Amino acid sequence: MDVYNKFKVNDINNLLRTKENEIVKYIETKYEISSTIKSKLCGIYKFYKVLNIKSDLFKTKIKEYKYKSETHRDKKKDTNKKDEDDGNKLIEEF
């Protein structure tokens, strides 16, 4: 709905075929979080699949943001890990 309101094109098929780059740029500028961008791109990519339109750009961008999301999540996990000394202190407390 967001994309439709932005581009005001009534023919969704025509919109997807002619404004592919613009749609991606719009989503990338509107949203900041990689997982949100990936979700929005996936939602629009479903239209491509339903209408049987090939879109290598969307596939590539989805993979890119999936990798960014996973990398961010892994970094967050690593920063939350406790070292062995902290673990031993917790054990001693109990």
N, C-alpha and C. Protein backbone atom coordinates (compact mmCIF):
# COMPACT_ATOMS: atom_id res chain seq x y z
N MET A 1 0.83 -1.18 0.00
CA MET A 1 0.00 0.00 0.00
C MET A 1 0.87 1.25 0.00
N ASP A 2 1.96 1.17 0.74
CA ASP A 2 2.91 2.28 0.82
C ASP A 2 3.44 2.65 -0.57
N VAL A 3 3.86 1.64 -1.29
CA VAL A 3 4.43 1.86 -2.63
C VAL A 3 3.36 2.38 -3.58
N TYR A 4 2.17 1.82 -3.48
CA TYR A 4 1.07 2.28 -4.33
C TYR A 4 0.79 3.76 -4.11
N ASN A 5 0.72 4.17 -2.85
CA ASN A 5 0.46 5.58 -2.54
C ASN A 5 1.59 6.49 -3.01
N LYS A 6 2.81 5.99 -2.98
CA LYS A 6 3.96 6.80 -3.40
C LYS A 6 3.95 7.03 -4.91
N PHE A 7 3.70 5.99 -5.71
CA PHE A 7 3.84 6.08 -7.16
C PHE A 7 2.53 6.36 -7.90
N LYS A 8 1.41 6.16 -7.26
CA LYS A 8 0.09 6.49 -7.83
C LYS A 8 -0.14 5.88 -9.23
N VAL A 9 0.28 4.64 -9.39
CA VAL A 9 0.05 3.94 -10.65
C VAL A 9 -1.04 2.91 -10.41
N ASN A 10 -2.09 2.95 -11.19
CA ASN A 10 -3.23 2.06 -10.99
C ASN A 10 -2.95 0.64 -11.47
N ASP A 11 -2.14 0.49 -12.48
CA ASP A 11 -1.83 -0.83 -13.03
C ASP A 11 -0.60 -1.38 -12.30
N ILE A 12 -0.82 -2.29 -11.36
CA ILE A 12 0.26 -2.82 -10.54
C ILE A 12 1.29 -3.55 -11.40
N ASN A 13 0.84 -4.21 -12.43
CA ASN A 13 1.74 -4.91 -13.34
C ASN A 13 2.70 -3.92 -13.99
N ASN A 14 2.17 -2.82 -14.48
CA ASN A 14 2.99 -1.78 -15.10
C ASN A 14 3.95 -1.16 -14.08
N LEU A 15 3.46 -0.92 -12.89
CA LEU A 15 4.29 -0.36 -11.83
C LEU A 15 5.50 -1.25 -11.54
N LEU A 16 5.25 -2.54 -11.37
CA LEU A 16 6.32 -3.47 -11.04
C LEU A 16 7.33 -3.62 -12.18
N ARG A 17 6.86 -3.53 -13.41
CA ARG A 17 7.77 -3.68 -14.56
C ARG A 17 8.60 -2.43 -14.83
N THR A 18 8.04 -1.26 -14.56
CA THR A 18 8.72 -0.03 -14.97
C THR A 18 9.42 0.72 -13.83
N LYS A 19 9.06 0.46 -12.61
CA LYS A 19 9.58 1.24 -11.49
C LYS A 19 10.33 0.39 -10.46
N GLU A 20 10.92 -0.68 -10.90
CA GLU A 20 11.59 -1.61 -10.00
C GLU A 20 12.67 -0.91 -9.16
N ASN A 21 13.57 -0.20 -9.80
CA ASN A 21 14.65 0.50 -9.09
C ASN A 21 14.10 1.56 -8.14
N GLU A 22 13.10 2.29 -8.60
CA GLU A 22 12.52 3.35 -7.77
C GLU A 22 11.84 2.78 -6.52
N ILE A 23 11.20 1.63 -6.67
CA ILE A 23 10.54 0.99 -5.54
C ILE A 23 11.58 0.59 -4.48
N VAL A 24 12.66 0.00 -4.94
CA VAL A 24 13.73 -0.42 -4.01
C VAL A 24 14.32 0.80 -3.31
N LYS A 25 14.63 1.83 -4.06
CA LYS A 25 15.21 3.06 -3.48
C LYS A 25 14.25 3.68 -2.46
N TYR A 26 12.97 3.71 -2.79
CA TYR A 26 11.97 4.27 -1.89
C TYR A 26 11.95 3.52 -0.56
N ILE A 27 11.94 2.21 -0.61
CA ILE A 27 11.91 1.40 0.61
C ILE A 27 13.20 1.59 1.40
N GLU A 28 14.32 1.63 0.71
CA GLU A 28 15.61 1.81 1.40
C GLU A 28 15.72 3.17 2.09
N THR A 29 15.10 4.18 1.52
CA THR A 29 15.17 5.50 2.15
C THR A 29 14.12 5.68 3.25
N LYS A 30 12.99 5.01 3.10
CA LYS A 30 11.92 5.17 4.08
C LYS A 30 12.20 4.42 5.38
N TYR A 31 12.83 3.27 5.29
CA TYR A 31 13.08 2.43 6.47
C TYR A 31 14.57 2.34 6.74
N GLU A 32 14.93 2.19 8.01
CA GLU A 32 16.34 2.16 8.40
C GLU A 32 16.84 0.79 8.81
N ILE A 33 15.99 0.00 9.41
CA ILE A 33 16.40 -1.29 9.96
C ILE A 33 16.43 -2.34 8.84
N SER A 34 17.53 -3.07 8.75
CA SER A 34 17.73 -4.05 7.67
C SER A 34 16.62 -5.09 7.62
N SER A 35 16.20 -5.59 8.77
CA SER A 35 15.16 -6.62 8.78
C SER A 35 13.82 -6.07 8.29
N THR A 36 13.54 -4.81 8.57
CA THR A 36 12.31 -4.18 8.09
C THR A 36 12.36 -4.01 6.58
N ILE A 37 13.49 -3.55 6.08
CA ILE A 37 13.65 -3.38 4.63
C ILE A 37 13.50 -4.72 3.94
N LYS A 38 14.12 -5.76 4.50
CA LYS A 38 14.01 -7.10 3.91
C LYS A 38 12.56 -7.56 3.88
N SER A 39 11.83 -7.32 4.96
CA SER A 39 10.42 -7.73 5.01
C SER A 39 9.58 -7.00 3.97
N LYS A 40 9.81 -5.71 3.82
CA LYS A 40 9.06 -4.93 2.82
C LYS A 40 9.39 -5.41 1.41
N LEU A 41 10.67 -5.65 1.15
CA LEU A 41 11.06 -6.15 -0.18
C LEU A 41 10.45 -7.52 -0.45
N CYS A 42 10.42 -8.37 0.56
CA CYS A 42 9.80 -9.70 0.41
C CYS A 42 8.32 -9.58 0.10
N GLY A 43 7.65 -8.65 0.77
CA GLY A 43 6.22 -8.44 0.53
C GLY A 43 5.94 -8.03 -0.91
N ILE A 44 6.76 -7.14 -1.41
CA ILE A 44 6.56 -6.69 -2.80
C ILE A 44 6.98 -7.79 -3.77
N TYR A 45 8.02 -8.53 -3.42
CA TYR A 45 8.47 -9.61 -4.30
C TYR A 45 7.38 -10.67 -4.50
N LYS A 46 6.52 -10.82 -3.50
CA LYS A 46 5.39 -11.77 -3.65
C LYS A 46 4.50 -11.36 -4.82
N PHE A 47 4.33 -10.06 -5.03
CA PHE A 47 3.56 -9.60 -6.18
C PHE A 47 4.24 -10.01 -7.48
N TYR A 48 5.55 -9.89 -7.51
CA TYR A 48 6.30 -10.30 -8.70
C TYR A 48 6.07 -11.78 -9.00
N LYS A 49 6.10 -12.58 -7.95
CA LYS A 49 5.91 -14.02 -8.14
C LYS A 49 4.48 -14.33 -8.60
N VAL A 50 3.50 -13.68 -7.99
CA VAL A 50 2.09 -13.92 -8.35
C VAL A 50 1.84 -13.52 -9.81
N LEU A 51 2.42 -12.40 -10.22
CA LEU A 51 2.23 -11.92 -11.59
C LEU A 51 3.22 -12.55 -12.57
N ASN A 52 4.07 -13.46 -12.05
CA ASN A 52 5.04 -14.17 -12.88
C ASN A 52 5.99 -13.20 -13.59
N ILE A 53 6.48 -12.21 -12.85
CA ILE A 53 7.44 -11.25 -13.37
C ILE A 53 8.79 -11.57 -12.74
N LYS A 54 9.81 -11.69 -13.55
CA LYS A 54 11.14 -12.00 -13.06
C LYS A 54 11.78 -10.72 -12.50
N SER A 55 12.40 -10.84 -11.33
CA SER A 55 13.06 -9.68 -10.73
C SER A 55 14.33 -10.10 -10.01
N ASP A 56 15.44 -10.04 -10.72
CA ASP A 56 16.73 -10.36 -10.11
C ASP A 56 17.14 -9.30 -9.10
N LEU A 57 16.75 -8.05 -9.35
CA LEU A 57 17.09 -6.98 -8.42
C LEU A 57 16.49 -7.23 -7.04
N PHE A 58 15.23 -7.59 -6.99
CA PHE A 58 14.59 -7.85 -5.70
C PHE A 58 15.23 -9.06 -5.01
N LYS A 59 15.51 -10.12 -5.76
CA LYS A 59 16.15 -11.30 -5.18
C LYS A 59 17.50 -10.92 -4.56
N THR A 60 18.28 -10.15 -5.30
CA THR A 60 19.60 -9.74 -4.83
C THR A 60 19.51 -8.87 -3.59
N LYS A 61 18.60 -7.91 -3.61
CA LYS A 61 18.44 -7.01 -2.47
C LYS A 61 17.94 -7.76 -1.22
N ILE A 62 17.04 -8.70 -1.41
CA ILE A 62 16.53 -9.49 -0.29
C ILE A 62 17.66 -10.29 0.34
N LYS A 63 18.50 -10.91 -0.50
CA LYS A 63 19.65 -11.66 0.02
C LYS A 63 20.61 -10.75 0.76
N GLU A 64 20.83 -9.56 0.20
CA GLU A 64 21.73 -8.58 0.82
C GLU A 64 21.24 -8.18 2.21
N TYR A 65 19.96 -7.86 2.31
CA TYR A 65 19.42 -7.44 3.61
C TYR A 65 19.27 -8.60 4.58
N LYS A 66 19.07 -9.80 4.06
CA LYS A 66 19.05 -10.98 4.92
C LYS A 66 20.42 -11.17 5.56
N TYR A 67 21.47 -11.03 4.75
CA TYR A 67 22.84 -11.15 5.26
C TYR A 67 23.13 -10.06 6.30
N LYS A 68 22.71 -8.82 6.00
CA LYS A 68 22.93 -7.72 6.95
C LYS A 68 22.20 -7.97 8.27
N SER A 69 20.98 -8.47 8.19
CA SER A 69 20.20 -8.75 9.40
C SER A 69 20.86 -9.85 10.23
N GLU A 70 21.31 -10.91 9.56
CA GLU A 70 21.95 -12.01 10.26
C GLU A 70 23.26 -11.57 10.90
N THR A 71 24.02 -10.75 10.17
CA THR A 71 25.29 -10.25 10.70
C THR A 71 25.06 -9.38 11.92
N HIS A 72 24.07 -8.50 11.84
CA HIS A 72 23.74 -7.63 12.97
C HIS A 72 23.30 -8.46 14.18
N ARG A 73 22.49 -9.46 13.94
CA ARG A 73 22.00 -10.33 15.02
C ARG A 73 23.16 -11.10 15.66
N ASP A 74 24.09 -11.60 14.82
CA ASP A 74 25.24 -12.33 15.34
C ASP A 74 26.15 -11.42 16.17
N LYS A 75 26.35 -10.18 15.72
CA LYS A 75 27.16 -9.24 16.48
C LYS A 75 26.53 -8.95 17.83
N LYS A 76 25.21 -8.83 17.82
CA LYS A 76 24.49 -8.55 19.07
C LYS A 76 24.63 -9.72 20.04
N LYS A 77 24.57 -10.95 19.51
CA LYS A 77 24.75 -12.13 20.35
C LYS A 77 26.14 -12.14 20.97
N ASP A 78 27.14 -11.83 20.15
CA ASP A 78 28.52 -11.84 20.64
C ASP A 78 28.75 -10.80 21.73
N THR A 79 28.14 -9.63 21.60
CA THR A 79 28.34 -8.59 22.62
C THR A 79 27.62 -8.93 23.92
N ASN A 80 26.58 -9.75 23.85
CA ASN A 80 25.84 -10.13 25.06
C ASN A 80 26.44 -11.32 25.79
N LYS A 81 27.43 -11.98 25.18
CA LYS A 81 28.03 -13.15 25.80
C LYS A 81 28.87 -12.74 27.00
N LYS A 82 28.82 -13.56 28.01
CA LYS A 82 29.63 -13.36 29.20
C LYS A 82 30.91 -14.18 29.04
N ASP A 83 31.99 -13.68 29.61
CA ASP A 83 33.21 -14.46 29.56
C ASP A 83 33.21 -15.52 30.66
N GLU A 84 34.21 -16.35 30.69
CA GLU A 84 34.25 -17.48 31.62
C GLU A 84 34.29 -17.03 33.07
N ASP A 85 34.98 -15.95 33.35
CA ASP A 85 35.06 -15.45 34.72
C ASP A 85 33.68 -15.03 35.24
N ASP A 86 32.91 -14.37 34.38
CA ASP A 86 31.55 -13.96 34.79
C ASP A 86 30.70 -15.18 35.08
N GLY A 87 30.85 -16.21 34.25
CA GLY A 87 30.10 -17.45 34.46
C GLY A 87 30.46 -18.11 35.77
N ASN A 88 31.76 -18.14 36.08
CA ASN A 88 32.22 -18.74 37.34
C ASN A 88 31.70 -17.96 38.54
N LYS A 89 31.68 -16.63 38.44
CA LYS A 89 31.14 -15.81 39.53
C LYS A 89 29.67 -16.12 39.78
N LEU A 90 28.91 -16.28 38.69
CA LEU A 90 27.49 -16.61 38.85
C LEU A 90 27.31 -17.96 39.53
N ILE A 91 28.15 -18.92 39.16
CA ILE A 91 28.06 -20.25 39.75
C ILE A 91 28.38 -20.19 41.25
N GLU A 92 29.40 -19.42 41.60
CA GLU A 92 29.81 -19.30 43.00
C GLU A 92 28.73 -18.64 43.84
N GLU A 93 27.97 -17.72 43.24
CA GLU A 93 26.92 -17.04 43.98
C GLU A 93 25.82 -17.99 44.42
N PHE A 94 25.60 -19.03 43.64
CA PHE A 94 24.55 -19.99 43.99
C PHE A 94 25.16 -21.07 44.80
